Amino acid sequence: MKIRELRQKSFADLQKILTNSREKLRQFRFDLASGKLKNVREIRELKKDIAQILTIIKEKSWQRKD
């Protein structure tokens, strides 16, 4: 997902996306260990997406405090 799209989402939507992404990452790790995952790069991309979501959540929480 693009950064612009994520910035337009609400705080609750970002929390849902984060939960789903973490669950997907967990599943990728199990698939990697069992040898089912063919494209290992997906894990790196998903971790990057999670970091971007966390950054935007942090920014939105700062804006709430002001």
N, C-alpha and C. Protein backbone atom coordinates (compact mmCIF):
# COMPACT_ATOMS: atom_id res chain seq x y z
N MET A 1 0.84 -1.17 0.00
CA MET A 1 0.00 0.00 0.00
C MET A 1 0.89 1.24 0.00
N LYS A 2 0.46 2.26 -0.69
CA LYS A 2 1.26 3.47 -0.80
C LYS A 2 1.10 4.34 0.44
N ILE A 3 2.13 5.12 0.72
CA ILE A 3 2.13 6.01 1.88
C ILE A 3 0.97 7.00 1.83
N ARG A 4 0.70 7.55 0.65
CA ARG A 4 -0.40 8.52 0.51
C ARG A 4 -1.73 7.90 0.90
N GLU A 5 -1.94 6.67 0.49
CA GLU A 5 -3.18 5.97 0.82
C GLU A 5 -3.27 5.74 2.32
N LEU A 6 -2.15 5.37 2.94
CA LEU A 6 -2.15 5.11 4.37
C LEU A 6 -2.42 6.38 5.17
N ARG A 7 -1.87 7.49 4.75
CA ARG A 7 -2.06 8.75 5.48
C ARG A 7 -3.52 9.20 5.46
N GLN A 8 -4.28 8.79 4.46
CA GLN A 8 -5.68 9.17 4.37
C GLN A 8 -6.60 8.29 5.21
N LYS A 9 -6.10 7.18 5.69
CA LYS A 9 -6.90 6.26 6.50
C LYS A 9 -7.09 6.81 7.90
N SER A 10 -8.15 6.36 8.54
CA SER A 10 -8.39 6.78 9.92
C SER A 10 -7.51 5.94 10.86
N PHE A 11 -7.45 6.37 12.10
CA PHE A 11 -6.64 5.70 13.11
C PHE A 11 -7.10 4.24 13.29
N ALA A 12 -8.42 4.04 13.34
CA ALA A 12 -8.97 2.69 13.52
C ALA A 12 -8.66 1.79 12.32
N ASP A 13 -8.75 2.36 11.12
CA ASP A 13 -8.43 1.58 9.92
C ASP A 13 -6.96 1.17 9.92
N LEU A 14 -6.09 2.07 10.33
CA LEU A 14 -4.66 1.74 10.40
C LEU A 14 -4.41 0.62 11.39
N GLN A 15 -5.12 0.63 12.50
CA GLN A 15 -4.96 -0.43 13.50
C GLN A 15 -5.39 -1.78 12.91
N LYS A 16 -6.48 -1.80 12.15
CA LYS A 16 -6.94 -3.04 11.52
C LYS A 16 -5.93 -3.54 10.49
N ILE A 17 -5.43 -2.62 9.68
CA ILE A 17 -4.44 -2.99 8.66
C ILE A 17 -3.18 -3.54 9.33
N LEU A 18 -2.78 -2.92 10.43
CA LEU A 18 -1.59 -3.37 11.16
C LEU A 18 -1.79 -4.78 11.70
N THR A 19 -2.95 -5.04 12.28
CA THR A 19 -3.24 -6.37 12.81
C THR A 19 -3.22 -7.42 11.71
N ASN A 20 -3.85 -7.09 10.58
CA ASN A 20 -3.87 -8.03 9.46
C ASN A 20 -2.47 -8.27 8.90
N SER A 21 -1.67 -7.22 8.82
CA SER A 21 -0.32 -7.36 8.28
C SER A 21 0.55 -8.21 9.20
N ARG A 22 0.40 -8.01 10.49
CA ARG A 22 1.19 -8.83 11.44
C ARG A 22 0.79 -10.29 11.38
N GLU A 23 -0.50 -10.56 11.21
CA GLU A 23 -0.95 -11.94 11.07
C GLU A 23 -0.41 -12.55 9.78
N LYS A 24 -0.41 -11.78 8.71
CA LYS A 24 0.12 -12.25 7.43
C LYS A 24 1.62 -12.53 7.54
N LEU A 25 2.35 -11.68 8.26
CA LEU A 25 3.78 -11.89 8.47
C LEU A 25 4.02 -13.18 9.25
N ARG A 26 3.19 -13.40 10.27
CA ARG A 26 3.32 -14.64 11.05
C ARG A 26 3.11 -15.85 10.16
N GLN A 27 2.11 -15.78 9.29
CA GLN A 27 1.85 -16.89 8.38
C GLN A 27 3.00 -17.09 7.39
N PHE A 28 3.57 -15.99 6.89
CA PHE A 28 4.72 -16.09 6.00
C PHE A 28 5.89 -16.79 6.69
N ARG A 29 6.10 -16.47 7.95
CA ARG A 29 7.22 -17.10 8.68
C ARG A 29 7.00 -18.60 8.84
N PHE A 30 5.76 -19.01 9.11
CA PHE A 30 5.47 -20.44 9.20
C PHE A 30 5.66 -21.11 7.85
N ASP A 31 5.20 -20.45 6.79
CA ASP A 31 5.36 -21.01 5.45
C ASP A 31 6.83 -21.11 5.06
N LEU A 32 7.62 -20.12 5.47
CA LEU A 32 9.05 -20.15 5.17
C LEU A 32 9.73 -21.33 5.88
N ALA A 33 9.37 -21.54 7.14
CA ALA A 33 9.97 -22.63 7.90
C ALA A 33 9.57 -23.99 7.35
N SER A 34 8.36 -24.08 6.82
CA SER A 34 7.91 -25.37 6.28
C SER A 34 8.27 -25.55 4.81
N GLY A 35 8.85 -24.52 4.20
CA GLY A 35 9.29 -24.63 2.82
C GLY A 35 8.22 -24.33 1.79
N LYS A 36 7.10 -23.78 2.19
CA LYS A 36 6.01 -23.48 1.26
C LYS A 36 6.20 -22.13 0.56
N LEU A 37 6.90 -21.22 1.20
CA LEU A 37 7.03 -19.87 0.66
C LEU A 37 8.11 -19.85 -0.42
N LYS A 38 7.72 -19.40 -1.61
CA LYS A 38 8.66 -19.36 -2.72
C LYS A 38 9.33 -17.99 -2.84
N ASN A 39 8.57 -16.92 -2.65
CA ASN A 39 9.10 -15.57 -2.80
C ASN A 39 9.43 -15.00 -1.42
N VAL A 40 10.68 -15.09 -1.03
CA VAL A 40 11.12 -14.66 0.29
C VAL A 40 11.09 -13.13 0.42
N ARG A 41 11.16 -12.45 -0.70
CA ARG A 41 11.15 -10.99 -0.70
C ARG A 41 9.84 -10.43 -0.12
N GLU A 42 8.77 -11.19 -0.19
CA GLU A 42 7.49 -10.74 0.35
C GLU A 42 7.59 -10.42 1.83
N ILE A 43 8.40 -11.17 2.56
CA ILE A 43 8.57 -10.93 3.99
C ILE A 43 9.19 -9.55 4.21
N ARG A 44 10.20 -9.23 3.44
CA ARG A 44 10.87 -7.93 3.57
C ARG A 44 9.91 -6.79 3.25
N GLU A 45 9.13 -6.97 2.19
CA GLU A 45 8.18 -5.92 1.79
C GLU A 45 7.09 -5.73 2.85
N LEU A 46 6.63 -6.83 3.42
CA LEU A 46 5.59 -6.74 4.44
C LEU A 46 6.12 -6.08 5.71
N LYS A 47 7.36 -6.38 6.08
CA LYS A 47 7.95 -5.74 7.25
C LYS A 47 8.11 -4.24 7.03
N LYS A 48 8.43 -3.85 5.81
CA LYS A 48 8.53 -2.43 5.47
C LYS A 48 7.17 -1.75 5.58
N ASP A 49 6.13 -2.43 5.08
CA ASP A 49 4.78 -1.89 5.18
C ASP A 49 4.35 -1.71 6.64
N ILE A 50 4.68 -2.69 7.47
CA ILE A 50 4.34 -2.61 8.89
C ILE A 50 5.04 -1.42 9.54
N ALA A 51 6.30 -1.21 9.20
CA ALA A 51 7.04 -0.07 9.75
C ALA A 51 6.43 1.25 9.31
N GLN A 52 5.98 1.33 8.07
CA GLN A 52 5.34 2.56 7.59
C GLN A 52 4.02 2.81 8.30
N ILE A 53 3.26 1.76 8.53
CA ILE A 53 1.98 1.90 9.24
C ILE A 53 2.23 2.36 10.66
N LEU A 54 3.21 1.78 11.32
CA LEU A 54 3.53 2.18 12.70
C LEU A 54 3.97 3.64 12.77
N THR A 55 4.72 4.09 11.78
CA THR A 55 5.17 5.48 11.73
C THR A 55 3.97 6.42 11.59
N ILE A 56 3.06 6.08 10.73
CA ILE A 56 1.89 6.93 10.52
C ILE A 56 1.00 6.94 11.76
N ILE A 57 0.86 5.79 12.41
CA ILE A 57 0.09 5.73 13.66
C ILE A 57 0.72 6.63 14.71
N LYS A 58 2.03 6.60 14.81
CA LYS A 58 2.74 7.45 15.77
C LYS A 58 2.51 8.93 15.45
N GLU A 59 2.59 9.29 14.17
CA GLU A 59 2.36 10.68 13.76
C GLU A 59 0.94 11.12 14.11
N LYS A 60 -0.04 10.24 13.85
CA LYS A 60 -1.43 10.58 14.15
C LYS A 60 -1.65 10.72 15.66
N SER A 61 -0.97 9.91 16.45
CA SER A 61 -1.13 10.02 17.90
C SER A 61 -0.51 11.32 18.41
N TRP A 62 0.55 11.80 17.79
CA TRP A 62 1.13 13.09 18.17
C TRP A 62 0.17 14.21 17.84
N GLN A 63 -0.49 14.11 16.70
CA GLN A 63 -1.43 15.15 16.29
C GLN A 63 -2.65 15.19 17.23
N ARG A 64 -3.02 14.06 17.77
CA ARG A 64 -4.15 14.00 18.70
C ARG A 64 -3.83 14.75 19.99
N LYS A 65 -2.59 14.70 20.43
CA LYS A 65 -2.20 15.32 21.70
C LYS A 65 -2.15 16.84 21.62
N ASP A 66 -1.93 17.36 20.42
CA ASP A 66 -1.80 18.82 20.27
C ASP A 66 -3.11 19.53 20.41
